[in-house]
Structures are given as C-alpha cells and as structure tokens.
Amino acid sequence: MQNQQSQNGNKIANPQTGQLPKVKTPEMNDRDFINDGLSTCKYLTDSLNIAVREASHEQLYSDLLQILTETHQSCREMYNLMFKNGWYKLEAEEQQKLDQAFQQFSNYSSQFPY
C-alpha cells in the first residue's frame, strides 16, 4: 500500500489537492468552511462533555451522550477530509520525548492503590 503522506522534517501531511485558489481572497473557500465547521465541532464537544458529566436526569444524560458521540464522529469526518486534502498538518514528535513521557507515566502506575 503506497503511503500518500509525506514527512518533511517534523511535518506530517498529505499534498494539497490544488482545489484552493493560488491567492487568498476575502471569500471563504472549501477549506475555510470545513475549518470553521471543525472549530465549531471542537467547541461543541467541549461543551457537551461538561453537559454529559453534569446531567442529573438519566434520559437527558443518554440523549446528550448520543449527541456527543455523533458530534465527535462529525469532527473526525471533517478532520479526515481536511487531512486528506492536505489542509491539516501534524507535527511528529521526537522519539526521545515520546520515550521520556512513556517513562514518566509508567512510573506513576506504581502509585496506584490497586
């Protein structure tokens, strides 16, 4: 399976699809609309997490949890679309930092009461 992702330094991204105009204008393009939707989804999931945690009525809890799950799924779909089109880039972490974090949190397990 050919990997379409390129790793340039610490950047992980797909090549841009060429759908965007070369010069940014005041009008919103596809990337702008999806990015706005993704930002809104992130805000909604943050707020819904609080609502689910604090719901005192069982049916309200269930309904909010279902909405939260669907909102997370929508976020994932928008992220995947942006990443696929090269509009969302990630930074790879250095292996040494990953190893340090793993060691730090592994040591915490010795503090668990069980």
C-alpha atoms as a PDB file:
ATOM      1  CA  MET A   1       0.000   0.000   0.000  1.00  0.00           C
ATOM      2  CA  GLN A   2       1.518   3.280  -1.078  1.00  0.00           C
ATOM      3  CA  ASN A   3       1.683   5.929   1.633  1.00  0.00           C
ATOM      4  CA  GLN A   4       0.445   9.303   0.369  1.00  0.00           C
ATOM      5  CA  GLN A   5       1.600  11.106   3.467  1.00  0.00           C
ATOM      6  CA  SER A   6       4.874  12.959   3.303  1.00  0.00           C
ATOM      7  CA  GLN A   7       7.054  13.654   6.272  1.00  0.00           C
ATOM      8  CA  ASN A   8       9.011  16.859   5.757  1.00  0.00           C
ATOM      9  CA  GLY A   9      11.118  17.407   8.855  1.00  0.00           C
ATOM     10  CA  ASN A  10       8.618  17.155  11.676  1.00  0.00           C
ATOM     11  CA  LYS A  11       5.569  17.815   9.470  1.00  0.00           C
ATOM     12  CA  ILE A  12       3.131  15.058   8.575  1.00  0.00           C
ATOM     13  CA  ALA A  13       0.738  15.994   5.792  1.00  0.00           C
ATOM     14  CA  ASN A  14      -0.771  14.938   2.516  1.00  0.00           C
ATOM     15  CA  PRO A  15      -0.023  17.049  -0.542  1.00  0.00           C
ATOM     16  CA  GLN A  16      -2.626  19.734  -1.200  1.00  0.00           C
ATOM     17  CA  THR A  17      -5.176  18.778  -3.819  1.00  0.00           C
ATOM     18  CA  GLY A  18      -4.919  22.008  -5.818  1.00  0.00           C
ATOM     19  CA  GLN A  19      -8.573  22.858  -5.165  1.00  0.00           C
ATOM     20  CA  LEU A  20      -7.745  26.127  -3.426  1.00  0.00           C
ATOM     21  CA  PRO A  21      -7.071  29.363  -5.284  1.00  0.00           C
ATOM     22  CA  LYS A  22      -3.431  30.444  -5.507  1.00  0.00           C
ATOM     23  CA  VAL A  23      -4.245  33.841  -3.965  1.00  0.00           C
ATOM     24  CA  LYS A  24      -6.440  34.050  -0.844  1.00  0.00           C
ATOM     25  CA  THR A  25      -9.410  36.367  -1.312  1.00  0.00           C
ATOM     26  CA  PRO A  26     -11.938  37.616   1.272  1.00  0.00           C
ATOM     27  CA  GLU A  27     -14.413  34.969   0.096  1.00  0.00           C
ATOM     28  CA  MET A  28     -14.489  31.722   2.031  1.00  0.00           C
ATOM     29  CA  ASN A  29     -13.297  28.654   0.147  1.00  0.00           C
ATOM     30  CA  ASP A  30     -13.891  24.953   0.855  1.00  0.00           C
ATOM     31  CA  ARG A  31     -11.041  24.766   3.345  1.00  0.00           C
ATOM     32  CA  ASP A  32     -12.360  27.808   5.225  1.00  0.00           C
ATOM     33  CA  PHE A  33     -15.856  26.332   5.505  1.00  0.00           C
ATOM     34  CA  ILE A  34     -14.612  22.938   6.694  1.00  0.00           C
ATOM     35  CA  ASN A  35     -12.133  24.539   9.090  1.00  0.00           C
ATOM     36  CA  ASP A  36     -14.944  26.668  10.539  1.00  0.00           C
ATOM     37  CA  GLY A  37     -17.093  23.541  10.918  1.00  0.00           C
ATOM     38  CA  LEU A  38     -14.260  21.684  12.625  1.00  0.00           C
ATOM     39  CA  SER A  39     -13.677  24.567  15.049  1.00  0.00           C
ATOM     40  CA  THR A  40     -17.391  24.647  15.848  1.00  0.00           C
ATOM     41  CA  CYS A  41     -17.417  20.866  16.376  1.00  0.00           C
ATOM     42  CA  LYS A  42     -14.489  21.123  18.789  1.00  0.00           C
ATOM     43  CA  TYR A  43     -16.290  23.815  20.757  1.00  0.00           C
ATOM     44  CA  LEU A  44     -19.497  21.744  20.836  1.00  0.00           C
ATOM     45  CA  THR A  45     -17.737  18.591  22.047  1.00  0.00           C
ATOM     46  CA  ASP A  46     -16.019  20.534  24.825  1.00  0.00           C
ATOM     47  CA  SER A  47     -19.362  21.965  25.958  1.00  0.00           C
ATOM     48  CA  LEU A  48     -21.241  18.683  25.558  1.00  0.00           C
ATOM     49  CA  ASN A  49     -18.616  16.855  27.648  1.00  0.00           C
ATOM     50  CA  ILE A  50     -19.480  19.148  30.548  1.00  0.00           C
ATOM     51  CA  ALA A  51     -23.219  18.772  29.961  1.00  0.00           C
ATOM     52  CA  VAL A  52     -22.984  14.956  29.893  1.00  0.00           C
ATOM     53  CA  ARG A  53     -20.889  14.871  33.050  1.00  0.00           C
ATOM     54  CA  GLU A  54     -23.318  17.107  34.920  1.00  0.00           C
ATOM     55  CA  ALA A  55     -26.653  15.746  33.637  1.00  0.00           C
ATOM     56  CA  SER A  56     -28.720  14.682  36.636  1.00  0.00           C
ATOM     57  CA  HIS A  57     -31.592  13.068  34.731  1.00  0.00           C
ATOM     58  CA  GLU A  58     -30.904   9.647  33.197  1.00  0.00           C
ATOM     59  CA  GLN A  59     -32.753  10.241  29.914  1.00  0.00           C
ATOM     60  CA  LEU A  60     -31.139  13.658  29.491  1.00  0.00           C
ATOM     61  CA  TYR A  61     -27.752  12.021  30.131  1.00  0.00           C
ATOM     62  CA  SER A  62     -28.435   9.377  27.467  1.00  0.00           C
ATOM     63  CA  ASP A  63     -29.613  11.924  24.905  1.00  0.00           C
ATOM     64  CA  LEU A  64     -26.652  14.221  25.499  1.00  0.00           C
ATOM     65  CA  LEU A  65     -24.232  11.302  25.328  1.00  0.00           C
ATOM     66  CA  GLN A  66     -25.681  10.276  21.958  1.00  0.00           C
ATOM     67  CA  ILE A  67     -25.365  13.856  20.669  1.00  0.00           C
ATOM     68  CA  LEU A  68     -21.783  13.999  21.980  1.00  0.00           C
ATOM     69  CA  THR A  69     -20.904  10.760  20.193  1.00  0.00           C
ATOM     70  CA  GLU A  70     -22.401  11.981  16.917  1.00  0.00           C
ATOM     71  CA  THR A  71     -20.607  15.321  17.256  1.00  0.00           C
ATOM     72  CA  HIS A  72     -17.275  13.567  17.836  1.00  0.00           C
ATOM     73  CA  GLN A  73     -17.922  11.489  14.711  1.00  0.00           C
ATOM     74  CA  SER A  74     -18.641  14.642  12.696  1.00  0.00           C
ATOM     75  CA  CYS A  75     -15.392  16.181  13.962  1.00  0.00           C
ATOM     76  CA  ARG A  76     -13.483  13.092  12.890  1.00  0.00           C
ATOM     77  CA  GLU A  77     -15.014  13.145   9.418  1.00  0.00           C
ATOM     78  CA  MET A  78     -14.116  16.815   8.937  1.00  0.00           C
ATOM     79  CA  TYR A  79     -10.586  16.215  10.239  1.00  0.00           C
ATOM     80  CA  ASN A  80     -10.162  13.265   7.851  1.00  0.00           C
ATOM     81  CA  LEU A  81     -11.397  15.361   4.928  1.00  0.00           C
ATOM     82  CA  MET A  82      -9.038  18.217   5.778  1.00  0.00           C
ATOM     83  CA  PHE A  83      -6.074  15.868   6.269  1.00  0.00           C
ATOM     84  CA  LYS A  84      -6.844  14.008   3.026  1.00  0.00           C
ATOM     85  CA  ASN A  85      -6.844  17.288   1.085  1.00  0.00           C
ATOM     86  CA  GLY A  86      -3.593  18.483   2.671  1.00  0.00           C
ATOM     87  CA  TRP A  87      -5.335  21.227   4.661  1.00  0.00           C
ATOM     88  CA  TYR A  88      -4.437  19.864   8.109  1.00  0.00           C
ATOM     89  CA  LYS A  89      -0.825  19.264   9.062  1.00  0.00           C
ATOM     90  CA  LEU A  90       0.571  17.473  12.083  1.00  0.00           C
ATOM     91  CA  GLU A  91       3.952  17.638  13.744  1.00  0.00           C
ATOM     92  CA  ALA A  92       5.803  14.436  14.514  1.00  0.00           C
ATOM     93  CA  GLU A  93       7.296  14.257  17.980  1.00  0.00           C
ATOM     94  CA  GLU A  94      10.883  13.215  18.544  1.00  0.00           C
ATOM     95  CA  GLN A  95      11.300   9.632  19.745  1.00  0.00           C
ATOM     96  CA  GLN A  96      13.309  10.771  22.779  1.00  0.00           C
ATOM     97  CA  LYS A  97      10.399  12.931  24.017  1.00  0.00           C
ATOM     98  CA  LEU A  98       7.961  10.051  23.497  1.00  0.00           C
ATOM     99  CA  ASP A  99      10.232   7.734  25.478  1.00  0.00           C
ATOM    100  CA  GLN A 100      10.517  10.295  28.304  1.00  0.00           C
ATOM    101  CA  ALA A 101       6.734  10.729  28.523  1.00  0.00           C
ATOM    102  CA  PHE A 102       6.230   6.960  28.500  1.00  0.00           C
ATOM    103  CA  GLN A 103       8.761   6.513  31.304  1.00  0.00           C
ATOM    104  CA  GLN A 104       7.208   9.332  33.342  1.00  0.00           C
ATOM    105  CA  PHE A 105       3.701   7.916  33.148  1.00  0.00           C
ATOM    106  CA  SER A 106       4.888   4.349  33.620  1.00  0.00           C
ATOM    107  CA  ASN A 107       6.389   5.412  36.938  1.00  0.00           C
ATOM    108  CA  TYR A 108       3.006   6.805  38.013  1.00  0.00           C
ATOM    109  CA  SER A 109       1.493   3.322  37.898  1.00  0.00           C
ATOM    110  CA  SER A 110       3.487   2.366  40.995  1.00  0.00           C
ATOM    111  CA  GLN A 111       1.451   4.978  42.911  1.00  0.00           C
ATOM    112  CA  PHE A 112      -1.920   3.379  42.142  1.00  0.00           C
ATOM    113  CA  PRO A 113      -3.599   1.917  45.234  1.00  0.00           C
ATOM    114  CA  TYR A 114      -4.519  -1.356  43.468  1.00  0.00           C
END
